[in-house]
């Protein structure tokens, strides 16, 4: 599928402001902006296996489209939610366990890049990945 492959972060837009809105402290924001994140995605029908490797952690997530699952961000924020497929976009809606606020995420292929967009409390950020 289109998302399959290994993607390395190339650049960010407004990522530090997004992390600030999420309540992440200044030191972790500075480190997070340079995490060298690499995402490996394997899709098999409506099942996904995603491996995230960065300077801070390596994790593997398996999920099925439309099925809620638990997830922790690199800063320890715990979320619950699901990914769905809307056209050729992966759309994630996640609720924070600590405050009940919603984090929206999308992943889409634009040209030769994977564009990951986050929206939290009205702050939008994008991360651009290359194969």
N, C-alpha and C. Protein backbone atom coordinates (compact mmCIF):
# COMPACT_ATOMS: atom_id res chain seq x y z
N UNK A 1 0.83 -1.19 0.00
CA UNK A 1 0.00 0.00 0.00
C UNK A 1 0.87 1.25 0.00
N UNK A 2 0.25 2.37 -0.19
CA UNK A 2 0.98 3.63 -0.35
C UNK A 2 1.79 4.01 0.88
N UNK A 3 1.31 3.66 2.08
CA UNK A 3 2.00 4.06 3.31
C UNK A 3 3.20 3.17 3.63
N UNK A 4 3.22 1.98 3.02
CA UNK A 4 4.28 1.02 3.33
C UNK A 4 5.67 1.61 3.07
N UNK A 5 6.58 1.32 3.98
CA UNK A 5 7.95 1.74 3.80
C UNK A 5 8.51 2.33 5.07
N UNK A 6 9.75 2.75 4.97
CA UNK A 6 10.43 3.40 6.09
C UNK A 6 10.58 4.87 5.77
N UNK A 7 10.12 5.70 6.69
CA UNK A 7 10.07 7.14 6.50
C UNK A 7 10.89 7.83 7.58
N UNK A 8 11.77 8.75 7.17
CA UNK A 8 12.61 9.49 8.13
C UNK A 8 12.19 10.95 8.11
N UNK A 9 12.03 11.53 9.31
CA UNK A 9 11.60 12.92 9.40
C UNK A 9 12.62 13.81 8.67
N UNK A 10 12.10 14.72 7.87
CA UNK A 10 12.91 15.63 7.08
C UNK A 10 12.85 17.05 7.63
N UNK A 11 11.61 17.48 7.98
CA UNK A 11 11.43 18.83 8.51
C UNK A 11 10.09 18.92 9.23
N UNK A 12 9.95 19.98 10.03
CA UNK A 12 8.74 20.22 10.82
C UNK A 12 8.23 21.62 10.54
N UNK A 13 6.91 21.79 10.70
CA UNK A 13 6.29 23.12 10.67
C UNK A 13 5.48 23.28 11.95
N UNK A 14 5.81 24.30 12.74
CA UNK A 14 5.04 24.65 13.93
C UNK A 14 5.03 23.54 14.99
N UNK A 15 6.01 22.66 14.94
CA UNK A 15 6.02 21.51 15.84
C UNK A 15 6.26 21.92 17.29
N UNK A 16 7.13 22.92 17.51
CA UNK A 16 7.40 23.34 18.88
C UNK A 16 6.17 23.97 19.51
N UNK A 17 5.41 24.76 18.74
CA UNK A 17 4.17 25.37 19.26
C UNK A 17 3.16 24.28 19.61
N UNK A 18 3.08 23.25 18.77
CA UNK A 18 2.18 22.13 19.03
C UNK A 18 2.56 21.45 20.34
N UNK A 19 3.85 21.16 20.51
CA UNK A 19 4.30 20.50 21.74
C UNK A 19 4.02 21.38 22.96
N UNK A 20 4.18 22.69 22.81
CA UNK A 20 3.87 23.62 23.90
C UNK A 20 2.39 23.54 24.27
N UNK A 21 1.51 23.51 23.25
CA UNK A 21 0.06 23.40 23.50
C UNK A 21 -0.27 22.09 24.21
N UNK A 22 0.51 21.04 23.93
CA UNK A 22 0.31 19.74 24.56
C UNK A 22 0.80 19.73 26.01
N UNK A 23 1.49 20.80 26.43
CA UNK A 23 1.97 20.88 27.80
C UNK A 23 3.35 20.29 28.01
N UNK A 24 4.09 20.12 26.93
CA UNK A 24 5.44 19.55 27.01
C UNK A 24 6.42 20.66 27.38
N UNK A 25 7.26 20.41 28.38
CA UNK A 25 8.21 21.41 28.87
C UNK A 25 9.25 21.80 27.83
N UNK A 26 9.90 22.94 28.07
CA UNK A 26 10.82 23.51 27.09
C UNK A 26 11.96 22.57 26.71
N UNK A 27 12.57 21.91 27.68
CA UNK A 27 13.70 21.02 27.36
C UNK A 27 13.25 19.87 26.47
N UNK A 28 12.12 19.25 26.81
CA UNK A 28 11.62 18.15 25.99
C UNK A 28 11.20 18.64 24.61
N UNK A 29 10.68 19.87 24.52
CA UNK A 29 10.32 20.43 23.20
C UNK A 29 11.56 20.59 22.34
N UNK A 30 12.63 21.12 22.93
CA UNK A 30 13.88 21.32 22.17
C UNK A 30 14.43 19.97 21.69
N UNK A 31 14.41 18.98 22.57
CA UNK A 31 14.87 17.65 22.19
C UNK A 31 13.95 17.02 21.15
N UNK A 32 12.63 17.16 21.35
CA UNK A 32 11.65 16.56 20.45
C UNK A 32 11.72 17.12 19.04
N UNK A 33 12.11 18.37 18.91
CA UNK A 33 12.21 18.99 17.59
C UNK A 33 13.35 18.38 16.78
N UNK A 34 14.26 17.65 17.45
CA UNK A 34 15.40 17.03 16.78
C UNK A 34 15.50 15.55 17.14
N UNK A 35 14.36 14.86 17.09
CA UNK A 35 14.32 13.47 17.55
C UNK A 35 14.78 12.45 16.51
N UNK A 36 15.01 12.88 15.25
CA UNK A 36 15.43 11.97 14.17
C UNK A 36 14.47 10.79 14.02
N UNK A 37 13.17 11.06 14.14
CA UNK A 37 12.16 10.01 14.09
C UNK A 37 12.17 9.28 12.75
N UNK A 38 12.11 7.97 12.85
CA UNK A 38 11.98 7.11 11.68
C UNK A 38 10.76 6.22 11.91
N UNK A 39 9.85 6.20 10.94
CA UNK A 39 8.63 5.41 11.05
C UNK A 39 8.65 4.35 9.96
N UNK A 40 8.42 3.10 10.35
CA UNK A 40 8.28 2.01 9.37
C UNK A 40 6.84 1.53 9.43
N UNK A 41 6.16 1.60 8.29
CA UNK A 41 4.74 1.25 8.22
C UNK A 41 4.57 0.03 7.32
N UNK A 42 3.82 -0.94 7.82
CA UNK A 42 3.43 -2.10 7.03
C UNK A 42 1.92 -2.24 7.14
N UNK A 43 1.24 -2.25 5.99
CA UNK A 43 -0.21 -2.38 5.97
C UNK A 43 -0.59 -3.70 5.33
N UNK A 44 -1.54 -4.38 5.98
CA UNK A 44 -2.09 -5.62 5.44
C UNK A 44 -3.59 -5.51 5.57
N UNK A 45 -4.25 -5.04 4.51
CA UNK A 45 -5.69 -4.80 4.57
C UNK A 45 -5.98 -3.67 5.52
N UNK A 46 -6.81 -3.94 6.55
CA UNK A 46 -7.14 -2.89 7.52
C UNK A 46 -6.28 -2.98 8.78
N UNK A 47 -5.23 -3.81 8.74
CA UNK A 47 -4.31 -3.94 9.87
C UNK A 47 -2.99 -3.23 9.55
N UNK A 48 -2.47 -2.52 10.54
CA UNK A 48 -1.22 -1.79 10.39
C UNK A 48 -0.24 -2.20 11.47
N UNK A 49 1.03 -2.25 11.10
CA UNK A 49 2.13 -2.42 12.04
C UNK A 49 3.02 -1.21 11.82
N UNK A 50 3.24 -0.44 12.89
CA UNK A 50 4.04 0.78 12.80
C UNK A 50 5.16 0.70 13.82
N UNK A 51 6.39 0.86 13.35
CA UNK A 51 7.55 0.90 14.23
C UNK A 51 8.05 2.33 14.23
N UNK A 52 8.23 2.89 15.43
CA UNK A 52 8.76 4.23 15.58
C UNK A 52 10.10 4.13 16.28
N UNK A 53 11.12 4.72 15.65
CA UNK A 53 12.46 4.73 16.23
C UNK A 53 12.96 6.17 16.26
N UNK A 54 13.41 6.60 17.43
CA UNK A 54 13.92 7.97 17.56
C UNK A 54 15.09 7.96 18.52
N UNK A 55 15.62 9.14 18.78
CA UNK A 55 16.70 9.28 19.75
C UNK A 55 16.25 8.89 21.16
N UNK A 56 14.93 8.86 21.40
CA UNK A 56 14.41 8.70 22.76
C UNK A 56 13.77 7.35 23.04
N UNK A 57 13.23 6.71 22.00
CA UNK A 57 12.57 5.43 22.24
C UNK A 57 12.34 4.70 20.93
N UNK A 58 12.15 3.40 21.07
CA UNK A 58 11.78 2.54 19.95
C UNK A 58 10.54 1.78 20.39
N UNK A 59 9.46 1.91 19.62
CA UNK A 59 8.24 1.19 19.97
C UNK A 59 7.62 0.59 18.71
N UNK A 60 6.77 -0.38 18.93
CA UNK A 60 6.02 -1.01 17.84
C UNK A 60 4.54 -0.98 18.20
N UNK A 61 3.74 -0.52 17.26
CA UNK A 61 2.30 -0.39 17.48
C UNK A 61 1.58 -1.21 16.41
N UNK A 62 0.61 -1.99 16.83
CA UNK A 62 -0.24 -2.69 15.88
C UNK A 62 -1.66 -2.20 16.11
N UNK A 63 -2.35 -1.86 15.02
CA UNK A 63 -3.73 -1.44 15.15
C UNK A 63 -4.52 -1.85 13.92
N UNK A 64 -5.83 -1.91 14.12
CA UNK A 64 -6.78 -2.20 13.05
C UNK A 64 -7.62 -0.95 12.86
N UNK A 65 -7.83 -0.58 11.60
CA UNK A 65 -8.62 0.62 11.31
C UNK A 65 -9.96 0.56 12.02
N UNK A 66 -10.33 1.66 12.68
CA UNK A 66 -11.63 1.77 13.33
C UNK A 66 -11.72 1.15 14.71
N UNK A 67 -10.62 0.53 15.18
CA UNK A 67 -10.64 -0.13 16.49
C UNK A 67 -9.79 0.68 17.47
N UNK A 68 -10.41 1.04 18.60
CA UNK A 68 -9.69 1.82 19.62
C UNK A 68 -8.51 1.04 20.18
N UNK A 69 -7.43 1.78 20.49
CA UNK A 69 -6.27 1.20 21.14
C UNK A 69 -5.62 2.26 22.03
N UNK A 70 -4.75 1.81 22.91
CA UNK A 70 -4.04 2.69 23.84
C UNK A 70 -2.68 3.03 23.25
N UNK A 71 -2.21 4.26 23.49
CA UNK A 71 -0.93 4.70 22.95
C UNK A 71 -0.33 5.74 23.89
N UNK A 72 0.98 5.71 24.05
CA UNK A 72 1.67 6.72 24.86
C UNK A 72 2.62 7.50 23.96
N UNK A 73 2.57 8.83 24.06
CA UNK A 73 3.50 9.67 23.34
C UNK A 73 4.88 9.57 23.98
N UNK A 74 5.90 10.08 23.29
CA UNK A 74 7.27 9.99 23.80
C UNK A 74 7.44 10.67 25.16
N UNK A 75 6.59 11.68 25.45
CA UNK A 75 6.70 12.38 26.74
C UNK A 75 5.91 11.70 27.85
N UNK A 76 5.26 10.57 27.52
CA UNK A 76 4.50 9.83 28.52
C UNK A 76 3.01 10.12 28.52
N UNK A 77 2.55 11.08 27.72
CA UNK A 77 1.12 11.37 27.63
C UNK A 77 0.39 10.14 27.11
N UNK A 78 -0.64 9.71 27.84
CA UNK A 78 -1.40 8.52 27.45
C UNK A 78 -2.66 8.92 26.70
N UNK A 79 -2.91 8.19 25.59
CA UNK A 79 -4.04 8.46 24.71
C UNK A 79 -4.81 7.18 24.45
N UNK A 80 -6.05 7.37 24.04
CA UNK A 80 -6.88 6.26 23.58
C UNK A 80 -7.61 6.75 22.34
N UNK A 81 -7.65 5.93 21.31
CA UNK A 81 -8.34 6.35 20.09
C UNK A 81 -8.15 5.35 18.98
N UNK A 82 -8.44 5.81 17.75
CA UNK A 82 -8.39 4.91 16.60
C UNK A 82 -8.00 5.68 15.35
N UNK A 83 -7.44 4.94 14.41
CA UNK A 83 -7.18 5.45 13.07
C UNK A 83 -8.28 4.94 12.14
N UNK A 84 -8.67 5.77 11.19
CA UNK A 84 -9.59 5.37 10.13
C UNK A 84 -8.97 5.78 8.80
N UNK A 85 -9.50 5.26 7.72
CA UNK A 85 -9.04 5.62 6.39
C UNK A 85 -10.14 6.46 5.75
N UNK A 86 -9.82 7.69 5.41
CA UNK A 86 -10.76 8.59 4.74
C UNK A 86 -10.15 8.95 3.39
N UNK A 87 -10.67 8.31 2.33
CA UNK A 87 -10.04 8.46 1.03
C UNK A 87 -8.66 7.83 1.09
N UNK A 88 -7.63 8.61 0.79
CA UNK A 88 -6.27 8.07 0.91
C UNK A 88 -5.50 8.70 2.06
N UNK A 89 -6.25 9.14 3.09
CA UNK A 89 -5.65 9.71 4.30
C UNK A 89 -5.94 8.80 5.49
N UNK A 90 -4.92 8.59 6.31
CA UNK A 90 -5.14 7.96 7.61
C UNK A 90 -5.51 9.07 8.58
N UNK A 91 -6.64 8.93 9.25
CA UNK A 91 -7.12 9.96 10.17
C UNK A 91 -7.25 9.35 11.56
N UNK A 92 -6.53 9.95 12.51
CA UNK A 92 -6.56 9.46 13.88
C UNK A 92 -7.22 10.45 14.80
N UNK A 93 -8.09 9.94 15.67
CA UNK A 93 -8.73 10.76 16.69
C UNK A 93 -8.41 10.11 18.04
N UNK A 94 -7.68 10.86 18.87
CA UNK A 94 -7.20 10.32 20.14
C UNK A 94 -7.59 11.24 21.28
N UNK A 95 -8.01 10.66 22.39
CA UNK A 95 -8.39 11.41 23.58
C UNK A 95 -7.34 11.21 24.65
N UNK A 96 -6.87 12.34 25.21
CA UNK A 96 -5.90 12.26 26.29
C UNK A 96 -6.57 11.70 27.53
N UNK A 97 -5.89 10.80 28.22
CA UNK A 97 -6.45 10.21 29.44
C UNK A 97 -6.39 11.17 30.62
N UNK A 98 -5.42 12.11 30.61
CA UNK A 98 -5.25 12.99 31.76
C UNK A 98 -6.24 14.16 31.78
N UNK A 99 -6.67 14.64 30.61
CA UNK A 99 -7.56 15.81 30.61
C UNK A 99 -8.76 15.70 29.66
N UNK A 100 -8.88 14.59 28.94
CA UNK A 100 -10.03 14.38 28.07
C UNK A 100 -10.03 15.19 26.78
N UNK A 101 -8.94 15.93 26.52
CA UNK A 101 -8.87 16.74 25.30
C UNK A 101 -8.48 15.87 24.11
N UNK A 102 -8.90 16.30 22.91
CA UNK A 102 -8.73 15.50 21.70
C UNK A 102 -7.53 15.95 20.88
N UNK A 103 -6.76 14.98 20.45
CA UNK A 103 -5.65 15.17 19.52
C UNK A 103 -6.06 14.53 18.19
N UNK A 104 -6.03 15.32 17.12
CA UNK A 104 -6.33 14.80 15.77
C UNK A 104 -5.01 14.64 15.04
N UNK A 105 -4.88 13.57 14.30
CA UNK A 105 -3.67 13.34 13.50
C UNK A 105 -4.07 12.81 12.14
N UNK A 106 -3.36 13.22 11.11
CA UNK A 106 -3.57 12.64 9.78
C UNK A 106 -2.21 12.27 9.21
N UNK A 107 -2.23 11.24 8.40
CA UNK A 107 -1.06 10.84 7.63
C UNK A 107 -1.51 10.71 6.19
N UNK A 108 -0.78 11.36 5.29
CA UNK A 108 -1.10 11.24 3.88
C UNK A 108 0.18 11.34 3.06
N UNK A 109 0.14 10.72 1.89
CA UNK A 109 1.27 10.79 0.96
C UNK A 109 1.02 11.97 0.04
N UNK A 110 1.97 12.90 0.02
CA UNK A 110 1.90 14.07 -0.84
C UNK A 110 3.18 14.07 -1.67
N UNK A 111 3.06 13.80 -2.95
CA UNK A 111 4.25 13.66 -3.79
C UNK A 111 5.04 12.47 -3.31
N UNK A 112 6.30 12.70 -2.94
CA UNK A 112 7.15 11.61 -2.45
C UNK A 112 7.35 11.69 -0.94
N UNK A 113 6.47 12.42 -0.25
CA UNK A 113 6.60 12.59 1.19
C UNK A 113 5.39 12.03 1.93
N UNK A 114 5.64 11.59 3.16
CA UNK A 114 4.58 11.28 4.11
C UNK A 114 4.41 12.53 4.96
N UNK A 115 3.22 13.11 4.94
CA UNK A 115 2.95 14.32 5.72
C UNK A 115 2.07 13.93 6.89
N UNK A 116 2.57 14.19 8.09
CA UNK A 116 1.83 13.89 9.31
C UNK A 116 1.41 15.22 9.92
N UNK A 117 0.11 15.40 10.07
CA UNK A 117 -0.44 16.65 10.61
C UNK A 117 -1.07 16.36 11.96
N UNK A 118 -0.80 17.24 12.92
CA UNK A 118 -1.38 17.14 14.26
C UNK A 118 -2.19 18.41 14.53
N UNK A 119 -3.34 18.27 15.18
CA UNK A 119 -4.11 19.43 15.63
C UNK A 119 -4.52 19.17 17.08
N UNK A 120 -4.15 20.13 17.95
CA UNK A 120 -4.50 20.02 19.36
C UNK A 120 -4.79 21.42 19.87
N UNK A 121 -5.98 21.59 20.44
CA UNK A 121 -6.37 22.89 21.01
C UNK A 121 -6.19 24.03 20.01
N UNK A 122 -6.52 23.77 18.74
CA UNK A 122 -6.45 24.79 17.71
C UNK A 122 -5.06 25.04 17.14
N UNK A 123 -4.04 24.34 17.64
CA UNK A 123 -2.68 24.50 17.12
C UNK A 123 -2.39 23.36 16.15
N UNK A 124 -2.01 23.72 14.92
CA UNK A 124 -1.70 22.72 13.90
C UNK A 124 -0.21 22.66 13.64
N UNK A 125 0.29 21.46 13.48
CA UNK A 125 1.70 21.23 13.19
C UNK A 125 1.81 20.16 12.12
N UNK A 126 2.88 20.23 11.33
CA UNK A 126 3.13 19.21 10.31
C UNK A 126 4.55 18.72 10.43
N UNK A 127 4.69 17.42 10.19
CA UNK A 127 6.01 16.80 10.09
C UNK A 127 6.08 16.12 8.73
N UNK A 128 7.17 16.34 8.03
CA UNK A 128 7.35 15.82 6.69
C UNK A 128 8.43 14.74 6.71
N UNK A 129 8.10 13.58 6.14
CA UNK A 129 8.99 12.44 6.13
C UNK A 129 9.33 12.05 4.70
N UNK A 130 10.55 11.57 4.49
CA UNK A 130 10.99 11.06 3.19
C UNK A 130 11.38 9.60 3.35
N UNK A 131 11.19 8.84 2.25
CA UNK A 131 11.58 7.42 2.27
C UNK A 131 13.08 7.29 2.34
